Amino acid sequence: MTVPLISDAFRFTRLRLLIYFFTVLAAAGVTFSVAISSIAMGTAIVLWVVFLVATKGSSFPRTKLDMLFIAYAAAELLVAVFSQETVNSLVNAKRLFLISFVYLVLTSIDDQQKLKMSIVFFGGIAAILSFAELFSLTEAGGHFLRVSLFQYFLTEGGIKMIALLLLIPFVLHQGTPRKWKVFAMIGCVPLLIGLILTQTRSSWLGFIAGVITIGIVKSKKILIALLLLIILFLAFAPTDFRTRAASIFDPMMTSNLTRIHMIATGWRMFLDRPLTGFGDVDLRKYYITYIVPIDTAEGGHLHNNIMMLLVTLGIFGFAAITAIFVKIFLLEREAVRATSTKWLEGSVAVGCLAAYISFHINGLFEWNFGDHEIAVLLWFTVGLALVSQRLAGTKSAEVQ
């Protein structure tokens, strides 16, 4: 009887390892190829389902987010029924599959070595690609073009923002081994320069918010470094970049003005359909019935997570996703407190919380919840935060 049990355990271990490989590849893949990331994600999900069937469901990682995820899925289906574009709304609801990253991470990362390699693989690839992009900086008409060699510059900014915030806590934790500190510091340099070169103001603000988060929960010294960085930027950055930063506060700048229009118009749209929303669809054809756009691209989405969720999902859908967001914050904060003495798990937890805060600040100016690449990293980091507490040997935040 012993041999079959050993054989089963061996198969499950290999299957778990494959799930891990494709999960991490899917997360790292968003830095350079949506296609590769999507294929890897699909493969990981299929393997995970096989794993659940093989273990008769006993390996499913129950979390305190499960019922909230179900409520959100129900809201997506409900608004699709009442939408004028039911099919399109259902198609866009595929973003629900990205939540699987939480469960893929919890299922596949079962030891510290896998957690380490997750950070090394994602952070390392993001840093290497950022370094390569440093040589792609070009000018046109006397102005620097925004760096977007591998992804659209708004997405590039968000990816570098998250990668940076995951690495910084390793530099600050007193227990971090020297080689890890060196790895993190080296990785941060091209990522920080790359973030600046994207000229993505919302990601700049998100990064600042993330660093402030790290400073509050980990080390106040990083706040001094942040202030020094801002001073150096304002003093020595090329005019294009300083002008770009100053434009954050200019309400008459075209891109700022369009965002103001979209928020105001979005509120009017929400009031017209407060319960069911317009459905998870492109809003352009509805938007133009409310206002004459300043820009031809204005109104497809509203460049603000809060307003976009209100308009597309209505009040009930918005309440469902808001409940998820609040619960994630509470769970990640708990993970930070529970892992503070552990250099690996503690650094991961702090980095994930900082990345989460940065996601929401970034989302005040971009529809980043609807950006596939950023949403992948959102759910991936949520999984990492939960698994860090489990691996630290404390009471698990993700288990009910």
Protein backbone atom coordinates (compact mmCIF):
# COMPACT_ATOMS: atom_id res chain seq x y z
CA MET A 1 0.00 0.00 0.00
CA THR A 2 2.96 2.33 0.59
CA VAL A 3 4.22 2.43 -3.01
CA PRO A 4 1.05 3.94 -4.56
CA LEU A 5 0.97 6.61 -1.86
CA ILE A 6 4.58 7.52 -2.56
CA SER A 7 3.85 7.52 -6.28
CA ASP A 8 0.86 9.83 -5.80
CA ALA A 9 2.86 12.19 -3.62
CA PHE A 10 5.59 12.34 -6.26
CA ARG A 11 3.08 13.13 -9.02
CA PHE A 12 1.45 15.83 -6.90
CA THR A 13 4.84 17.38 -6.17
CA ARG A 14 5.70 17.50 -9.86
CA LEU A 15 2.29 18.90 -10.74
CA ARG A 16 2.62 21.58 -8.07
CA LEU A 17 6.05 22.47 -9.45
CA LEU A 18 4.62 22.87 -12.96
CA ILE A 19 1.85 25.10 -11.63
CA TYR A 20 4.50 27.19 -9.89
CA PHE A 21 6.62 27.51 -13.03
CA PHE A 22 3.79 28.66 -15.26
CA THR A 23 2.36 30.98 -12.58
CA VAL A 24 5.64 32.82 -12.13
CA LEU A 25 6.21 32.86 -15.89
CA ALA A 26 2.76 34.40 -16.36
CA ALA A 27 3.52 37.13 -13.83
CA ALA A 28 6.99 37.88 -15.19
CA GLY A 29 5.75 37.58 -18.77
CA VAL A 30 3.63 40.73 -18.50
CA THR A 31 6.86 42.73 -18.52
CA PHE A 32 7.52 41.83 -22.15
CA SER A 33 4.73 39.77 -23.76
CA VAL A 34 1.00 39.58 -23.05
CA ALA A 35 0.77 36.53 -25.30
CA ILE A 36 3.37 34.54 -23.37
CA SER A 37 1.84 35.64 -20.08
CA SER A 38 -1.67 34.63 -21.16
CA ILE A 39 -0.56 31.23 -22.45
CA ALA A 40 1.35 30.57 -19.23
CA MET A 41 -1.63 31.68 -17.14
CA GLY A 42 -4.00 29.43 -19.06
CA THR A 43 -1.62 26.49 -18.68
CA ALA A 44 -1.26 27.13 -14.94
CA ILE A 45 -5.04 27.26 -14.49
CA VAL A 46 -5.56 23.99 -16.38
CA LEU A 47 -2.85 22.27 -14.35
CA TRP A 48 -4.36 23.68 -11.15
CA VAL A 49 -7.78 22.25 -12.03
CA VAL A 50 -6.16 18.87 -12.71
CA PHE A 51 -4.42 19.15 -9.34
CA LEU A 52 -7.68 19.93 -7.55
CA VAL A 53 -9.41 16.99 -9.21
CA ALA A 54 -6.52 14.65 -8.41
CA THR A 55 -6.59 15.69 -4.74
CA LYS A 56 -10.40 15.61 -4.68
CA GLY A 57 -10.55 19.29 -3.79
CA SER A 58 -8.67 18.89 -0.52
CA SER A 59 -5.83 21.08 -1.79
CA PHE A 60 -8.03 24.09 -2.53
CA PRO A 61 -6.61 27.01 -0.51
CA ARG A 62 -9.61 28.54 1.24
CA THR A 63 -9.22 32.27 1.92
CA LYS A 64 -11.10 35.03 3.65
CA LEU A 65 -11.65 36.54 0.21
CA ASP A 66 -13.57 33.61 -1.29
CA MET A 67 -17.13 34.80 -0.66
CA LEU A 68 -16.25 38.33 -1.73
CA PHE A 69 -14.85 37.00 -5.01
CA ILE A 70 -18.10 35.11 -5.57
CA ALA A 71 -20.10 38.28 -4.90
CA TYR A 72 -17.99 40.19 -7.41
CA ALA A 73 -18.44 37.45 -10.03
CA ALA A 74 -22.20 37.52 -9.44
CA ALA A 75 -22.20 41.30 -9.92
CA GLU A 76 -20.36 40.97 -13.25
CA LEU A 77 -22.94 38.44 -14.47
CA LEU A 78 -25.85 40.53 -13.22
CA VAL A 79 -24.77 43.72 -14.98
CA ALA A 80 -24.20 41.74 -18.17
CA VAL A 81 -27.83 40.61 -18.12
CA PHE A 82 -29.09 44.19 -17.89
CA SER A 83 -26.49 45.68 -20.23
CA GLN A 84 -27.34 46.76 -23.77
CA GLU A 85 -24.24 44.80 -24.79
CA THR A 86 -24.66 41.54 -22.89
CA VAL A 87 -22.19 39.55 -24.98
CA ASN A 88 -19.45 42.17 -24.77
CA SER A 89 -20.02 42.55 -21.04
CA LEU A 90 -19.67 38.79 -20.54
CA VAL A 91 -16.53 38.71 -22.68
CA ASN A 92 -14.91 41.49 -20.63
CA ALA A 93 -15.85 39.65 -17.45
CA LYS A 94 -12.96 37.35 -18.32
CA ARG A 95 -10.93 39.60 -16.04
CA LEU A 96 -12.37 37.40 -13.28
CA PHE A 97 -9.94 34.67 -14.35
CA LEU A 98 -7.04 36.87 -13.23
CA ILE A 99 -8.14 36.37 -9.62
CA SER A 100 -6.94 32.79 -10.03
CA PHE A 101 -3.40 34.11 -9.45
CA VAL A 102 -4.22 34.35 -5.74
CA TYR A 103 -5.02 30.64 -5.62
CA LEU A 104 -2.24 29.60 -7.99
CA VAL A 105 0.31 31.27 -5.74
CA LEU A 106 -1.17 29.80 -2.56
CA THR A 107 -1.25 26.33 -4.12
CA SER A 108 2.18 26.27 -5.73
CA ILE A 109 4.46 28.28 -3.42
CA ASP A 110 4.90 25.87 -0.53
CA ASP A 111 8.44 26.68 0.60
CA GLN A 112 10.77 29.62 1.02
CA GLN A 113 12.92 28.70 -1.98
CA LYS A 114 9.97 29.10 -4.32
CA LEU A 115 9.09 32.42 -2.72
CA LYS A 116 12.68 33.60 -3.19
CA MET A 117 12.75 32.54 -6.83
CA SER A 118 9.45 34.29 -7.50
CA ILE A 119 10.97 37.61 -6.44
CA VAL A 120 14.26 36.93 -8.24
CA PHE A 121 12.54 35.91 -11.48
CA PHE A 122 10.02 38.75 -11.63
CA GLY A 123 12.28 41.46 -10.21
CA GLY A 124 15.28 40.31 -12.23
CA ILE A 125 13.47 40.23 -15.56
CA ALA A 126 11.82 43.60 -14.92
CA ALA A 127 15.21 45.12 -14.05
CA ILE A 128 17.00 43.59 -17.07
CA LEU A 129 14.32 44.84 -19.46
CA SER A 130 14.44 48.29 -17.86
CA PHE A 131 18.19 48.33 -18.36
CA ALA A 132 17.73 47.44 -22.04
CA GLU A 133 15.21 50.27 -22.39
CA LEU A 134 17.74 52.81 -21.22
CA PHE A 135 19.31 52.53 -24.67
CA SER A 136 15.99 53.12 -26.43
CA LEU A 137 15.53 56.72 -25.27
CA THR A 138 14.98 58.92 -28.30
CA GLU A 139 14.05 62.50 -29.13
CA ALA A 140 11.59 63.98 -31.59
CA GLY A 141 11.05 67.67 -32.17
CA GLY A 142 13.49 68.48 -29.42
CA HIS A 143 11.59 66.49 -26.79
CA PHE A 144 12.26 63.11 -25.18
CA LEU A 145 9.81 60.39 -26.21
CA ARG A 146 8.25 58.30 -23.49
CA VAL A 147 9.96 54.92 -23.11
CA SER A 148 7.69 52.06 -24.23
CA LEU A 149 9.94 49.43 -25.78
CA PHE A 150 8.14 46.35 -24.42
CA GLN A 151 4.73 47.65 -23.37
CA TYR A 152 2.61 50.80 -23.68
CA PHE A 153 4.24 53.52 -21.56
CA LEU A 154 1.36 53.74 -19.08
CA THR A 155 1.61 50.01 -18.51
CA GLU A 156 5.41 50.17 -18.43
CA GLY A 157 5.20 52.75 -15.66
CA GLY A 158 2.86 50.61 -13.59
CA ILE A 159 5.00 47.49 -13.97
CA LYS A 160 8.20 49.27 -12.96
CA MET A 161 6.41 50.91 -10.05
CA ILE A 162 5.33 47.55 -8.65
CA ALA A 163 8.68 45.85 -9.28
CA LEU A 164 10.53 48.66 -7.51
CA LEU A 165 8.31 48.52 -4.47
CA LEU A 166 8.76 44.75 -4.19
CA LEU A 167 12.56 45.12 -4.14
CA ILE A 168 13.04 48.15 -1.88
CA PRO A 169 12.07 46.40 1.41
CA PHE A 170 14.90 43.89 0.92
CA VAL A 171 17.36 46.78 0.95
CA LEU A 172 15.93 48.10 4.23
CA HIS A 173 15.41 44.94 6.29
CA GLN A 174 18.26 44.50 8.76
CA GLY A 175 18.19 40.71 8.43
CA THR A 176 18.47 40.62 4.64
CA PRO A 177 21.56 38.65 3.53
CA ARG A 178 24.21 40.76 1.83
CA LYS A 179 23.80 39.14 -1.59
CA TRP A 180 20.09 39.87 -1.49
CA LYS A 181 20.67 43.49 -0.57
CA VAL A 182 23.09 43.81 -3.49
CA PHE A 183 20.60 42.13 -5.85
CA ALA A 184 17.80 44.45 -4.74
CA MET A 185 19.92 47.61 -4.96
CA ILE A 186 21.24 46.72 -8.42
CA GLY A 187 17.73 45.92 -9.62
CA CYS A 188 16.30 49.16 -8.28
CA VAL A 189 18.63 51.38 -10.32
CA PRO A 190 17.41 50.58 -13.87
CA LEU A 191 13.84 50.22 -12.63
CA LEU A 192 13.86 53.68 -11.08
CA ILE A 193 15.46 55.29 -14.14
CA GLY A 194 13.06 53.38 -16.37
CA LEU A 195 10.08 54.53 -14.32
CA ILE A 196 11.18 58.14 -14.76
CA LEU A 197 11.72 57.67 -18.49
CA THR A 198 8.17 56.43 -19.03
CA GLN A 199 7.04 59.92 -17.96
CA THR A 200 3.96 58.27 -16.46
CA ARG A 201 2.86 60.75 -13.83
CA SER A 202 0.28 58.47 -12.20
CA SER A 203 2.96 55.82 -11.68
CA TRP A 204 5.31 58.44 -10.26
CA LEU A 205 2.64 59.34 -7.72
CA GLY A 206 1.91 55.68 -7.04
CA PHE A 207 5.61 55.03 -6.43
CA ILE A 208 5.83 57.95 -4.00
CA ALA A 209 2.78 56.63 -2.12
CA GLY A 210 4.31 53.16 -2.02
CA VAL A 211 7.62 54.43 -0.65
CA ILE A 212 5.76 56.45 1.99
CA THR A 213 3.93 53.23 2.93
CA ILE A 214 7.26 51.42 3.32
CA GLY A 215 8.55 54.31 5.40
CA ILE A 216 5.56 54.20 7.74
CA VAL A 217 5.60 50.45 8.33
CA LYS A 218 9.30 49.69 8.00
CA SER A 219 11.89 52.47 8.11
CA LYS A 220 11.52 56.24 8.30
CA LYS A 221 14.97 56.55 6.68
CA ILE A 222 13.45 55.74 3.28
CA LEU A 223 11.35 58.91 3.57
CA ILE A 224 14.54 60.98 3.76
CA ALA A 225 15.87 59.15 0.71
CA LEU A 226 12.60 59.84 -1.12
CA LEU A 227 12.78 63.55 -0.30
CA LEU A 228 16.39 63.66 -1.49
CA LEU A 229 15.42 61.88 -4.71
CA ILE A 230 12.66 64.41 -5.41
CA ILE A 231 15.03 67.32 -4.75
CA LEU A 232 17.67 65.86 -7.07
CA PHE A 233 15.02 65.26 -9.73
CA LEU A 234 13.76 68.83 -9.56
CA ALA A 235 17.31 70.19 -9.63
CA PHE A 236 18.96 68.07 -12.32
CA ALA A 237 16.35 66.25 -14.43
CA PRO A 238 16.04 67.39 -18.07
CA THR A 239 13.49 70.12 -18.65
CA ASP A 240 11.03 67.73 -20.32
CA PHE A 241 10.79 65.60 -17.18
CA ARG A 242 10.54 68.52 -14.76
CA THR A 243 7.84 70.06 -16.95
CA ARG A 244 6.04 66.74 -16.99
CA ALA A 245 6.13 66.57 -13.20
CA ALA A 246 4.91 70.16 -12.82
CA SER A 247 1.99 69.41 -15.16
CA ILE A 248 0.48 67.17 -12.48
CA PHE A 249 -0.81 70.36 -10.86
CA ASP A 250 -2.02 72.06 -14.08
CA PRO A 251 -5.81 71.58 -14.42
CA MET A 252 -5.79 73.15 -17.89
CA MET A 253 -3.34 70.68 -19.40
CA THR A 254 -5.26 68.67 -22.01
CA SER A 255 -4.74 65.23 -20.46
CA ASN A 256 -5.66 66.59 -17.02
CA LEU A 257 -8.70 68.38 -18.37
CA THR A 258 -9.96 65.25 -20.13
CA ARG A 259 -9.66 63.31 -16.88
CA ILE A 260 -11.67 65.97 -15.07
CA HIS A 261 -14.29 65.77 -17.82
CA MET A 262 -14.40 61.97 -17.60
CA ILE A 263 -14.92 61.96 -13.84
CA ALA A 264 -17.67 64.60 -14.01
CA THR A 265 -19.35 62.91 -16.97
CA GLY A 266 -18.94 59.49 -15.39
CA TRP A 267 -20.87 60.68 -12.35
CA ARG A 268 -23.75 61.77 -14.58
CA MET A 269 -23.68 58.39 -16.31
CA PHE A 270 -23.74 56.58 -12.97
CA LEU A 271 -26.75 58.60 -11.80
CA ASP A 272 -28.63 57.50 -14.94
CA ARG A 273 -28.00 53.80 -14.22
CA PRO A 274 -27.04 53.55 -10.54
CA LEU A 275 -28.17 49.98 -9.90
CA THR A 276 -27.02 47.90 -12.87
CA GLY A 277 -24.54 50.20 -14.58
CA PHE A 278 -23.80 50.11 -18.29
CA GLY A 279 -22.11 46.73 -18.17
CA ASP A 280 -18.43 45.84 -18.40
CA VAL A 281 -18.08 47.39 -21.86
CA ASP A 282 -16.31 50.13 -23.80
CA LEU A 283 -18.15 53.32 -22.81
CA ARG A 284 -17.26 55.52 -25.77
CA LYS A 285 -20.62 55.43 -27.60
CA TYR A 286 -22.50 56.22 -24.39
CA TYR A 287 -20.01 58.82 -23.21
CA ILE A 288 -20.30 60.99 -26.31
CA THR A 289 -24.06 61.37 -25.72
CA TYR A 290 -23.23 63.27 -22.52
CA ILE A 291 -20.37 65.52 -23.58
CA VAL A 292 -18.33 66.55 -26.61
CA PRO A 293 -14.88 64.97 -26.05
CA ILE A 294 -11.78 67.14 -26.08
CA ASP A 295 -9.70 64.26 -27.38
CA THR A 296 -10.66 61.55 -29.89
CA ALA A 297 -9.65 58.81 -27.43
CA GLU A 298 -11.63 60.26 -24.53
CA GLY A 299 -14.41 58.20 -22.98
CA GLY A 300 -13.63 54.62 -23.95
CA HIS A 301 -12.83 54.20 -20.30
CA LEU A 302 -12.76 56.88 -17.63
CA HIS A 303 -9.13 56.82 -16.42
CA ASN A 304 -10.26 56.34 -12.84
CA ASN A 305 -10.95 53.01 -11.16
CA ILE A 306 -13.63 54.31 -8.82
CA MET A 307 -15.66 56.05 -11.50
CA MET A 308 -15.19 53.26 -14.02
CA LEU A 309 -16.44 50.62 -11.59
CA LEU A 310 -19.42 52.77 -10.61
CA VAL A 311 -20.44 53.38 -14.23
CA THR A 312 -19.88 49.84 -15.52
CA LEU A 313 -21.00 47.75 -12.54
CA GLY A 314 -23.44 50.02 -10.73
CA ILE A 315 -23.61 50.46 -6.98
CA PHE A 316 -23.86 46.75 -6.11
CA GLY A 317 -20.92 45.73 -8.26
CA PHE A 318 -18.93 48.66 -6.95
CA ALA A 319 -19.74 47.64 -3.38
CA ALA A 320 -18.59 44.07 -4.09
CA ILE A 321 -15.20 45.06 -5.49
CA THR A 322 -14.75 47.73 -2.81
CA ALA A 323 -15.29 45.09 -0.14
CA ILE A 324 -12.57 43.01 -1.79
CA PHE A 325 -10.18 45.95 -1.87
CA VAL A 326 -10.76 46.76 1.81
CA LYS A 327 -10.34 43.13 2.85
CA ILE A 328 -7.11 42.80 0.87
CA PHE A 329 -5.70 45.84 2.65
CA LEU A 330 -6.59 44.37 6.06
CA LEU A 331 -5.08 40.98 5.18
CA GLU A 332 -1.89 42.48 3.79
CA ARG A 333 -1.51 44.73 6.83
CA GLU A 334 -1.92 41.66 9.04
CA ALA A 335 0.71 39.82 7.00
CA VAL A 336 3.14 42.74 7.44
CA ARG A 337 2.70 42.71 11.21
CA ALA A 338 2.97 38.94 11.48
CA THR A 339 6.18 38.64 9.42
CA SER A 340 8.10 41.71 10.60
CA THR A 341 10.99 39.68 12.07
CA LYS A 342 11.49 37.55 8.94
CA TRP A 343 13.74 39.12 6.30
CA LEU A 344 12.26 37.17 3.39
CA GLU A 345 8.58 36.91 4.24
CA GLY A 346 8.59 40.29 5.95
CA SER A 347 10.16 42.06 2.97
CA VAL A 348 7.72 40.38 0.59
CA ALA A 349 4.73 41.36 2.74
CA VAL A 350 5.85 44.99 3.03
CA GLY A 351 6.58 45.17 -0.70
CA CYS A 352 3.18 43.74 -1.56
CA LEU A 353 1.39 46.20 0.71
CA ALA A 354 3.34 49.10 -0.81
CA ALA A 355 2.57 47.83 -4.32
CA TYR A 356 -1.10 47.55 -3.37
CA ILE A 357 -1.26 51.14 -2.12
CA SER A 358 0.57 52.31 -5.25
CA PHE A 359 -1.93 50.43 -7.43
CA HIS A 360 -4.80 52.41 -5.91
CA ILE A 361 -3.05 55.78 -6.16
CA ASN A 362 -2.16 55.01 -9.77
CA GLY A 363 -5.79 53.99 -10.27
CA LEU A 364 -7.05 57.44 -9.36
CA PHE A 365 -5.76 58.59 -12.75
CA GLU A 366 -5.78 55.40 -14.85
CA TRP A 367 -8.13 52.48 -15.41
CA ASN A 368 -5.37 50.16 -14.23
CA PHE A 369 -7.81 47.58 -12.84
CA GLY A 370 -8.77 47.05 -16.48
CA ASP A 371 -5.14 46.92 -17.64
CA HIS A 372 -4.40 43.19 -18.04
CA GLU A 373 -0.72 43.44 -17.16
CA ILE A 374 -1.26 45.52 -14.02
CA ALA A 375 -4.24 43.41 -12.91
CA VAL A 376 -2.09 40.26 -13.21
CA LEU A 377 0.48 41.82 -10.87
CA LEU A 378 -2.25 43.01 -8.51
CA TRP A 379 -3.56 39.48 -7.91
CA PHE A 380 -0.08 37.95 -8.02
CA THR A 381 1.13 40.23 -5.23
CA VAL A 382 -2.01 39.58 -3.19
CA GLY A 383 -1.16 35.89 -3.35
CA LEU A 384 2.47 36.58 -2.40
CA ALA A 385 1.38 38.60 0.63
CA LEU A 386 -0.88 35.83 1.87
CA VAL A 387 1.64 33.06 1.28
CA SER A 388 4.41 35.03 3.00
CA GLN A 389 2.52 34.88 6.28
CA ARG A 390 1.85 31.18 5.87
CA LEU A 391 5.51 30.42 5.20
CA ALA A 392 6.61 32.55 8.14
CA GLY A 393 4.97 29.99 10.38
CA THR A 394 2.45 32.37 11.91
CA LYS A 395 -1.29 32.06 12.04
CA SER A 396 -2.26 32.11 8.38
CA ALA A 397 -4.07 35.20 7.20
CA GLU A 398 -5.56 33.42 4.23
CA VAL A 399 -7.06 30.42 5.98
CA GLN A 400 -10.49 30.75 7.48
